[in-house]
Amino acid sequence: MTLGACATVPPASDSLDAIGRDYVLLQLTIGEKEEGYIDAYYGPETAMAQAKADAPAATLDSLSARVAWLETRVAPFTDDGKAALTLEERRARFLAAQLVAARTRLRMMRGETLSFADEAEGLFGVRPELPPLESFDPLVDRIEALVPGEGPIWQRLESFRSRFNVPADKVEPVMVAAIAECKRRSGAYIAMPAHENFELALVTDKPWGGYNYYQGKARSKIEINTDLPIRLDRAIDLGCHEGYPGHHVYNALLERELVDERGWPEFAVYPLYSPQSFIAEGSANYGIELAFPGKEALAYNRDVLAPIAGISGEGLDRFLELGDLTGKLRGAQYTIAARFLAGEIDEAAASELLQRYNLVSPERAKQSLRFIKSYRSYIINYGLGLDMVRGYVEAAGPGQDVRWRRMEQLLSMPMLPSDLTVR
């Protein structure tokens, strides 16, 4: 493809459709330069073939120039002064934000070093706070009081939690049951394409716990990593997060509503390092709470999943309570990751801090560090994304019906992190 490197003025007949097509080709070409950059693509094969043909001659500098050209072209379609946006204006803003992320990622690919907060803001559109670790000490002390005994607190927690490890031969039936229930609950509020489906696979040697590989046409491959024992509560978490109403539903709705119904080509490609991931991960995590509000997760784990796993439900309420409390320590991981990625602490020190402030075993700390080394500031999307999506959805009102309606809207249209602050 010849973009026209000398072009400085957008064509008079320019349109978001034309920009969207060029955006797809640009993102796919960047994806040829970095493995894992493209999380999903289900558009025309001709675009992928063109990207593969263009990639050998494309340099990171030329790709950056293409990003800048698209930013110039999309600017006339955005209006940052408006609070209430039409869907077309949301589309333009989405494209502009995704291009900022592409520009930032190319800077990183060229070897530029960014601070953790600058990187996160550039890629995901949100600047995270990095709280001092000592601010988490009161919560750690509170959790420690709930798990009395000798030895480090992570060791005591690990000993207690291990009672709820799902036996290896029961992981698949437990996951199948959990995903089916997540699907049933989500399906009561969100209508999916009739042909939607997923394939489940248990895998090993991955830096993550679960992954959804969206295939297009409302199909996904959901992989669950079994490197470490899977605890009972993770079945619902993974079933909702990777499936319903998480990544599988999100991608299927975008495909149906924006690609198929409106013909917007840019939504057929999903670059991982972009604001889209903030929405995807935050909504997938909030989907767990939405599908299993209050004590419903406890009841389903106790009455259905524990018997399938052959695990006693005794102490399950305390186990889930501790899980909720330790989840509030997620922000400590941002600070630890920022210090580790900046070279202020080495891997051993980072592992010790994760054990102390995330209350995990050395093995789980090692897995967390593996994820951090691979995905860097991406970690903010899970906790900060959850908090912002929760605030946005629950501002709709206290009823499940209105919250599910807002969740469906969030999953079906161009959304940016900044949109989550609009109530």
Protein backbone atom coordinates (compact mmCIF):
# COMPACT_ATOMS: atom_id res chain seq x y z
CA MET A 1 0.00 0.00 0.00
CA THR A 2 1.17 3.52 -0.78
CA LEU A 3 -0.29 5.88 1.78
CA GLY A 4 1.09 9.10 0.35
CA ALA A 5 3.77 10.15 2.79
CA CYS A 6 3.68 13.72 1.53
CA ALA A 7 -0.05 14.16 2.17
CA THR A 8 -0.76 16.80 4.82
CA VAL A 9 -4.38 17.73 4.10
CA PRO A 10 -7.22 15.20 4.49
CA PRO A 11 -9.02 14.42 1.24
CA ALA A 12 -12.14 16.49 0.69
CA SER A 13 -14.28 13.37 0.34
CA ASP A 14 -12.92 11.75 3.49
CA SER A 15 -15.25 9.73 5.70
CA LEU A 16 -15.09 7.67 8.88
CA ASP A 17 -15.64 4.56 6.77
CA ALA A 18 -12.53 5.35 4.70
CA ILE A 19 -10.56 6.18 7.85
CA GLY A 20 -11.80 2.99 9.45
CA ARG A 21 -10.56 0.86 6.55
CA ASP A 22 -7.13 2.51 6.64
CA TYR A 23 -7.07 2.12 10.42
CA VAL A 24 -7.68 -1.64 10.11
CA LEU A 25 -4.83 -2.04 7.65
CA LEU A 26 -2.53 0.05 9.85
CA GLN A 27 -3.31 -1.96 12.99
CA LEU A 28 -2.86 -5.27 11.20
CA THR A 29 0.50 -4.11 9.83
CA ILE A 30 1.66 -3.09 13.31
CA GLY A 31 0.50 -6.52 14.43
CA GLU A 32 2.93 -8.07 11.96
CA LYS A 33 5.71 -6.28 13.84
CA GLU A 34 4.74 -7.41 17.35
CA GLU A 35 3.35 -10.79 18.31
CA GLY A 36 0.22 -10.48 20.45
CA TYR A 37 -0.48 -6.87 19.43
CA ILE A 38 -3.70 -7.93 17.69
CA ASP A 39 -6.02 -9.68 20.11
CA ALA A 40 -8.72 -10.45 17.53
CA TYR A 41 -9.45 -9.86 13.86
CA TYR A 42 -12.47 -11.12 11.95
CA GLY A 43 -12.64 -8.78 8.99
CA PRO A 44 -11.90 -9.41 5.31
CA GLU A 45 -8.96 -11.70 4.58
CA THR A 46 -7.86 -9.25 1.90
CA ALA A 47 -6.88 -6.71 4.59
CA MET A 48 -4.82 -9.29 6.45
CA ALA A 49 -3.12 -10.35 3.22
CA GLN A 50 -2.35 -6.71 2.40
CA ALA A 51 -0.89 -6.13 5.89
CA LYS A 52 1.37 -9.17 5.52
CA ALA A 53 2.51 -7.90 2.12
CA ASP A 54 3.13 -4.35 3.42
CA ALA A 55 4.90 -5.36 6.64
CA PRO A 56 8.40 -6.17 5.31
CA ALA A 57 8.83 -2.68 3.83
CA ALA A 58 7.11 -0.88 6.73
CA THR A 59 9.37 0.61 9.40
CA LEU A 60 8.31 1.69 12.87
CA ASP A 61 8.90 5.29 11.80
CA SER A 62 6.72 4.91 8.71
CA LEU A 63 4.00 3.27 10.78
CA SER A 64 4.15 6.18 13.22
CA ALA A 65 3.74 8.55 10.27
CA ARG A 66 0.67 6.61 9.18
CA VAL A 67 -0.78 6.93 12.69
CA ALA A 68 -0.21 10.71 12.61
CA TRP A 69 -1.89 10.94 9.19
CA LEU A 70 -4.95 9.08 10.43
CA GLU A 71 -5.08 11.28 13.54
CA THR A 72 -5.13 14.34 11.27
CA ARG A 73 -7.93 12.83 9.21
CA VAL A 74 -10.13 11.82 12.16
CA ALA A 75 -9.75 15.15 14.03
CA PRO A 76 -12.48 17.00 12.05
CA PHE A 77 -14.98 14.31 13.03
CA THR A 78 -14.45 14.75 16.78
CA ASP A 79 -15.96 17.43 19.00
CA ASP A 80 -14.46 17.34 22.47
CA GLY A 81 -16.76 20.09 23.68
CA LYS A 82 -19.86 17.93 23.67
CA ALA A 83 -21.11 15.99 26.67
CA ALA A 84 -23.94 14.17 24.86
CA LEU A 85 -22.65 12.34 21.82
CA THR A 86 -24.24 10.74 18.81
CA LEU A 87 -23.08 7.24 17.96
CA GLU A 88 -21.08 8.63 15.01
CA GLU A 89 -19.30 11.08 17.31
CA ARG A 90 -18.54 8.27 19.73
CA ARG A 91 -17.12 6.36 16.79
CA ALA A 92 -14.79 9.22 15.88
CA ARG A 93 -13.61 9.67 19.46
CA PHE A 94 -13.00 5.95 19.74
CA LEU A 95 -10.84 5.97 16.61
CA ALA A 96 -8.87 8.97 17.87
CA ALA A 97 -8.20 7.31 21.24
CA GLN A 98 -7.18 4.03 19.64
CA LEU A 99 -4.70 5.92 17.47
CA VAL A 100 -3.15 7.59 20.53
CA ALA A 101 -2.60 4.08 21.89
CA ALA A 102 -1.05 2.90 18.60
CA ARG A 103 1.27 5.91 18.62
CA THR A 104 2.29 5.14 22.21
CA ARG A 105 2.91 1.47 21.50
CA LEU A 106 5.09 2.32 18.50
CA ARG A 107 7.16 4.61 20.73
CA MET A 108 7.70 1.66 23.06
CA MET A 109 8.51 -0.65 20.16
CA ARG A 110 11.17 1.85 19.04
CA GLY A 111 12.79 1.51 22.46
CA GLU A 112 11.49 4.62 24.20
CA THR A 113 11.16 4.22 27.97
CA LEU A 114 7.96 5.54 29.54
CA SER A 115 7.04 5.65 33.18
CA PHE A 116 4.37 3.17 34.30
CA ALA A 117 1.75 5.94 34.62
CA ASP A 118 2.67 7.56 31.28
CA GLU A 119 2.58 4.18 29.54
CA ALA A 120 -0.80 3.28 31.03
CA GLU A 121 -2.29 6.64 30.10
CA GLY A 122 -0.93 6.49 26.57
CA LEU A 123 -2.08 2.94 25.92
CA PHE A 124 -5.32 2.70 27.88
CA GLY A 125 -6.52 6.27 28.32
CA VAL A 126 -6.36 6.33 32.13
CA ARG A 127 -3.60 7.59 34.39
CA PRO A 128 -3.44 5.29 37.43
CA GLU A 129 -2.60 6.40 40.93
CA LEU A 130 0.32 4.56 42.50
CA PRO A 131 -0.49 4.49 46.22
CA PRO A 132 2.33 4.02 48.74
CA LEU A 133 2.54 0.40 49.80
CA GLU A 134 2.28 1.28 53.47
CA SER A 135 -1.23 2.59 52.81
CA PHE A 136 -2.28 -1.06 52.43
CA ASP A 137 -0.88 -2.09 55.81
CA PRO A 138 -4.16 -1.59 57.74
CA LEU A 139 -6.01 -3.89 55.32
CA VAL A 140 -3.23 -6.48 55.48
CA ASP A 141 -3.44 -6.35 59.28
CA ARG A 142 -7.22 -6.75 59.13
CA ILE A 143 -6.89 -9.82 56.91
CA GLU A 144 -4.13 -11.23 59.09
CA ALA A 145 -6.44 -11.07 62.10
CA LEU A 146 -8.92 -13.29 60.23
CA VAL A 147 -6.27 -15.96 59.65
CA PRO A 148 -4.54 -16.49 63.01
CA GLY A 149 -1.58 -18.80 63.39
CA GLU A 150 2.17 -19.04 62.93
CA GLY A 151 4.24 -18.17 59.89
CA PRO A 152 3.83 -15.53 57.18
CA ILE A 153 0.27 -14.49 56.46
CA TRP A 154 0.49 -15.63 52.82
CA GLN A 155 1.43 -19.09 54.09
CA ARG A 156 -1.57 -19.22 56.41
CA LEU A 157 -3.86 -18.00 53.65
CA GLU A 158 -2.42 -20.52 51.21
CA SER A 159 -2.98 -23.32 53.68
CA PHE A 160 -6.60 -22.33 54.19
CA ARG A 161 -7.32 -21.65 50.54
CA SER A 162 -5.80 -24.93 49.40
CA ARG A 163 -8.81 -26.69 50.94
CA PHE A 164 -10.76 -25.29 47.98
CA ASN A 165 -8.38 -26.36 45.23
CA VAL A 166 -10.31 -28.17 42.50
CA PRO A 167 -8.79 -31.63 41.82
CA ALA A 168 -7.15 -31.76 38.40
CA ASP A 169 -9.61 -34.34 37.07
CA LYS A 170 -12.55 -32.16 38.17
CA VAL A 171 -11.43 -28.87 36.62
CA GLU A 172 -13.15 -29.43 33.30
CA PRO A 173 -16.59 -30.47 34.66
CA VAL A 174 -16.47 -27.64 37.19
CA MET A 175 -15.60 -25.12 34.46
CA VAL A 176 -18.29 -26.47 32.12
CA ALA A 177 -20.93 -26.12 34.85
CA ALA A 178 -19.76 -22.65 35.85
CA ILE A 179 -19.72 -21.30 32.29
CA ALA A 180 -23.17 -22.77 31.64
CA GLU A 181 -24.54 -20.95 34.69
CA CYS A 182 -22.82 -17.70 33.73
CA LYS A 183 -24.36 -18.06 30.27
CA ARG A 184 -27.82 -18.73 31.70
CA ARG A 185 -27.71 -15.69 33.95
CA SER A 186 -26.33 -13.37 31.28
CA GLY A 187 -28.75 -14.73 28.67
CA ALA A 188 -31.72 -13.78 30.83
CA TYR A 189 -30.86 -10.13 30.13
CA ILE A 190 -28.67 -10.00 27.02
CA ALA A 191 -29.81 -11.66 23.80
CA MET A 192 -26.94 -13.24 21.91
CA PRO A 193 -26.76 -14.33 18.26
CA ALA A 194 -28.49 -17.69 17.85
CA HIS A 195 -25.34 -19.32 16.49
CA GLU A 196 -22.96 -18.13 19.22
CA ASN A 197 -20.71 -20.75 20.82
CA PHE A 198 -17.33 -21.33 22.38
CA GLU A 199 -14.68 -24.03 22.67
CA LEU A 200 -13.10 -24.72 26.08
CA ALA A 201 -9.49 -25.86 26.42
CA LEU A 202 -7.25 -26.49 29.43
CA VAL A 203 -3.68 -25.33 28.78
CA THR A 204 -0.35 -24.89 30.58
CA ASP A 205 2.74 -22.66 30.52
CA LYS A 206 0.94 -19.32 30.17
CA PRO A 207 1.47 -16.01 32.01
CA TRP A 208 -2.28 -15.57 32.50
CA GLY A 209 -5.07 -17.52 34.24
CA GLY A 210 -7.56 -17.48 31.37
CA TYR A 211 -7.82 -16.08 27.85
CA ASN A 212 -10.59 -15.60 25.30
CA TYR A 213 -9.54 -15.88 21.68
CA TYR A 214 -12.44 -14.40 19.78
CA GLN A 215 -12.84 -16.03 16.37
CA GLY A 216 -15.57 -13.90 14.82
CA LYS A 217 -19.14 -14.90 13.94
CA ALA A 218 -19.92 -15.05 17.70
CA ARG A 219 -17.40 -17.86 18.29
CA SER A 220 -14.64 -17.96 20.91
CA LYS A 221 -11.94 -20.26 22.17
CA ILE A 222 -11.67 -20.02 25.95
CA GLU A 223 -8.40 -21.28 27.43
CA ILE A 224 -7.89 -21.94 31.14
CA ASN A 225 -4.32 -22.15 32.45
CA THR A 226 -3.77 -25.04 34.88
CA ASP A 227 -0.14 -24.31 35.80
CA LEU A 228 -1.28 -23.63 39.37
CA PRO A 229 -4.19 -25.24 41.21
CA ILE A 230 -7.54 -23.68 40.31
CA ARG A 231 -9.57 -22.71 43.33
CA LEU A 232 -13.30 -23.21 43.45
CA ASP A 233 -14.23 -19.52 43.25
CA ARG A 234 -12.16 -19.07 40.09
CA ALA A 235 -14.62 -21.16 38.07
CA ILE A 236 -17.35 -18.50 38.27
CA ASP A 237 -14.77 -15.73 37.87
CA LEU A 238 -13.33 -17.24 34.70
CA GLY A 239 -16.71 -18.30 33.34
CA CYS A 240 -18.07 -14.78 33.59
CA HIS A 241 -14.86 -12.96 32.70
CA GLU A 242 -13.88 -14.95 29.62
CA GLY A 243 -17.43 -15.87 28.63
CA TYR A 244 -20.72 -14.42 29.86
CA PRO A 245 -21.18 -11.46 30.16
CA GLY A 246 -17.43 -10.95 29.66
CA HIS A 247 -15.16 -11.09 26.64
CA HIS A 248 -17.22 -13.49 24.55
CA VAL A 249 -20.38 -11.40 24.92
CA TYR A 250 -18.52 -8.10 24.47
CA ASN A 251 -16.90 -9.14 21.21
CA ALA A 252 -20.07 -10.78 19.87
CA LEU A 253 -22.15 -7.66 20.55
CA LEU A 254 -19.61 -5.31 18.95
CA GLU A 255 -19.49 -7.59 15.92
CA ARG A 256 -23.27 -7.76 15.61
CA GLU A 257 -24.11 -4.14 16.41
CA LEU A 258 -21.20 -2.24 14.84
CA VAL A 259 -19.61 -4.48 12.20
CA ASP A 260 -22.60 -6.42 10.85
CA GLU A 261 -25.41 -3.90 11.41
CA ARG A 262 -23.55 -0.63 10.77
CA GLY A 263 -20.68 -1.80 8.59
CA TRP A 264 -18.00 -0.07 10.67
CA PRO A 265 -14.79 -1.88 9.66
CA GLU A 266 -12.60 -0.70 12.55
CA PHE A 267 -14.48 -2.83 15.06
CA ALA A 268 -13.40 -6.02 13.30
CA VAL A 269 -9.88 -5.52 14.69
CA TYR A 270 -9.03 -5.42 18.39
CA PRO A 271 -5.52 -4.16 19.25
CA LEU A 272 -4.70 -5.40 22.72
CA TYR A 273 -2.81 -2.33 23.90
CA SER A 274 -5.62 0.18 23.59
CA PRO A 275 -8.46 1.80 25.58
CA GLN A 276 -10.70 -0.99 24.28
CA SER A 277 -8.93 -3.33 26.69
CA PHE A 278 -9.75 -1.08 29.63
CA ILE A 279 -13.44 -1.43 28.78
CA ALA A 280 -13.09 -5.14 28.00
CA GLU A 281 -11.31 -6.14 31.20
CA GLY A 282 -13.24 -3.81 33.48
CA SER A 283 -16.62 -4.98 32.16
CA ALA A 284 -15.54 -8.63 32.26
CA ASN A 285 -14.60 -8.33 35.92
CA TYR A 286 -17.73 -6.40 36.80
CA GLY A 287 -19.77 -9.02 34.98
CA ILE A 288 -18.92 -11.46 37.78
CA GLU A 289 -20.59 -9.20 40.35
CA LEU A 290 -23.52 -8.46 38.07
CA ALA A 291 -24.25 -12.11 37.32
CA PHE A 292 -23.79 -13.28 40.93
CA PRO A 293 -24.87 -10.40 43.18
CA GLY A 294 -24.82 -10.54 46.96
CA LYS A 295 -24.60 -14.07 48.37
CA GLU A 296 -25.48 -15.79 45.10
CA ALA A 297 -21.87 -16.71 44.33
CA LEU A 298 -21.60 -18.35 47.75
CA ALA A 299 -24.79 -20.32 47.20
CA TYR A 300 -23.82 -21.53 43.74
CA ASN A 301 -20.29 -22.49 44.79
CA ARG A 302 -21.60 -24.32 47.83
CA ASP A 303 -24.63 -26.05 46.34
CA VAL A 304 -23.44 -26.85 42.81
CA LEU A 305 -19.72 -26.50 42.16
CA ALA A 306 -18.38 -27.87 45.45
CA PRO A 307 -20.24 -31.20 45.02
CA ILE A 308 -19.00 -31.50 41.42
CA ALA A 309 -15.45 -30.88 42.62
CA GLY A 310 -15.83 -33.24 45.56
CA ILE A 311 -14.95 -30.43 47.97
CA SER A 312 -16.58 -29.76 51.32
CA GLY A 313 -18.43 -26.46 51.44
CA GLU A 314 -17.50 -25.94 55.08
CA GLY A 315 -15.73 -22.61 55.52
CA LEU A 316 -16.62 -21.47 52.01
CA ASP A 317 -18.22 -18.26 53.27
CA ARG A 318 -14.97 -17.30 55.03
CA PHE A 319 -12.98 -18.28 51.95
CA LEU A 320 -15.03 -15.96 49.71
CA GLU A 321 -14.91 -13.16 52.29
CA LEU A 322 -11.13 -13.37 52.32
CA GLY A 323 -11.16 -13.30 48.53
CA ASP A 324 -13.18 -10.08 48.55
CA LEU A 325 -10.79 -8.48 51.04
CA THR A 326 -7.61 -9.51 49.25
CA GLY A 327 -9.12 -8.15 46.03
CA LYS A 328 -8.96 -4.71 47.62
CA LEU A 329 -5.17 -5.04 47.64
CA ARG A 330 -4.99 -5.03 43.85
CA GLY A 331 -3.78 -1.43 43.77
CA ALA A 332 -0.59 -2.46 45.53
CA GLN A 333 0.32 -4.46 42.44
CA TYR A 334 0.39 -1.29 40.35
CA THR A 335 2.97 0.30 42.66
CA ILE A 336 5.07 -2.86 42.81
CA ALA A 337 4.92 -3.27 39.02
CA ALA A 338 5.87 0.37 38.45
CA ARG A 339 8.92 0.04 40.69
CA PHE A 340 9.93 -3.29 39.15
CA LEU A 341 9.53 -2.16 35.53
CA ALA A 342 11.47 1.03 36.29
CA GLY A 343 14.36 -1.05 37.61
CA GLU A 344 14.03 0.32 41.13
CA ILE A 345 13.66 -3.20 42.57
CA ASP A 346 14.75 -6.57 41.26
CA GLU A 347 12.64 -9.66 40.72
CA ALA A 348 13.36 -11.09 44.17
CA ALA A 349 12.31 -7.86 45.91
CA ALA A 350 9.20 -7.58 43.73
CA SER A 351 8.26 -11.17 44.57
CA GLU A 352 8.61 -10.48 48.29
CA LEU A 353 6.43 -7.39 48.02
CA LEU A 354 3.76 -9.29 46.09
CA GLN A 355 3.75 -11.96 48.77
CA ARG A 356 3.33 -9.31 51.47
CA TYR A 357 0.85 -6.99 49.76
CA ASN A 358 -1.07 -9.35 47.49
CA LEU A 359 -0.86 -12.17 50.07
CA VAL A 360 0.17 -14.82 47.57
CA SER A 361 2.59 -17.73 47.61
CA PRO A 362 6.03 -17.47 45.95
CA GLU A 363 4.66 -19.57 43.08
CA ARG A 364 1.74 -17.21 42.49
CA ALA A 365 4.00 -14.18 42.89
CA LYS A 366 6.24 -15.67 40.20
CA GLN A 367 3.25 -16.05 37.88
CA SER A 368 2.18 -12.45 38.58
CA LEU A 369 5.66 -11.22 37.71
CA ARG A 370 5.61 -13.25 34.54
CA PHE A 371 2.39 -11.48 33.57
CA ILE A 372 3.82 -8.07 34.50
CA LYS A 373 6.96 -8.65 32.42
CA SER A 374 4.81 -9.68 29.47
CA TYR A 375 1.97 -7.14 29.67
CA ARG A 376 3.39 -4.35 31.83
CA SER A 377 0.85 -1.59 32.62
CA TYR A 378 -1.99 -3.72 31.20
CA ILE A 379 -2.61 -4.82 34.80
CA ILE A 380 -4.50 -1.59 35.56
CA ASN A 381 -7.36 -2.69 33.33
CA TYR A 382 -8.53 -5.34 35.78
CA GLY A 383 -8.86 -3.40 39.03
CA LEU A 384 -9.20 0.20 37.92
CA GLY A 385 -11.35 -0.92 35.00
CA LEU A 386 -13.60 -2.85 37.37
CA ASP A 387 -14.01 0.14 39.69
CA MET A 388 -14.92 2.53 36.87
CA VAL A 389 -17.29 0.14 35.11
CA ARG A 390 -18.99 -0.66 38.42
CA GLY A 391 -19.53 3.04 39.12
CA TYR A 392 -20.90 3.65 35.64
CA VAL A 393 -23.29 0.70 35.56
CA GLU A 394 -24.56 1.04 39.11
CA ALA A 395 -25.27 4.75 38.61
CA ALA A 396 -28.18 3.54 36.46
CA GLY A 397 -30.03 2.52 39.64
CA PRO A 398 -30.28 -0.26 42.22
CA GLY A 399 -32.34 -2.73 40.19
CA GLN A 400 -30.84 -5.63 38.29
CA ASP A 401 -32.90 -4.84 35.18
CA VAL A 402 -31.55 -1.30 34.78
CA ARG A 403 -27.99 -2.39 35.53
CA TRP A 404 -28.09 -5.16 32.95
CA ARG A 405 -29.54 -2.72 30.39
CA ARG A 406 -26.70 -0.29 31.00
CA MET A 407 -24.19 -3.13 30.85
CA GLU A 408 -25.57 -4.23 27.48
CA GLN A 409 -25.33 -0.67 26.15
CA LEU A 410 -21.75 -0.40 27.37
CA LEU A 411 -20.84 -3.63 25.58
CA SER A 412 -22.60 -2.69 22.34
CA MET A 413 -21.24 0.72 21.39
CA PRO A 414 -17.97 2.67 21.13
CA MET A 415 -16.95 3.37 24.72
CA LEU A 416 -13.87 5.00 26.20
CA PRO A 417 -12.68 5.10 29.81
CA SER A 418 -13.62 8.80 29.93
CA ASP A 419 -17.22 7.85 29.09
CA LEU A 420 -17.42 5.88 32.33
CA THR A 421 -17.29 9.09 34.35
CA VAL A 422 -20.50 10.33 32.68
CA ARG A 423 -23.45 9.29 34.82
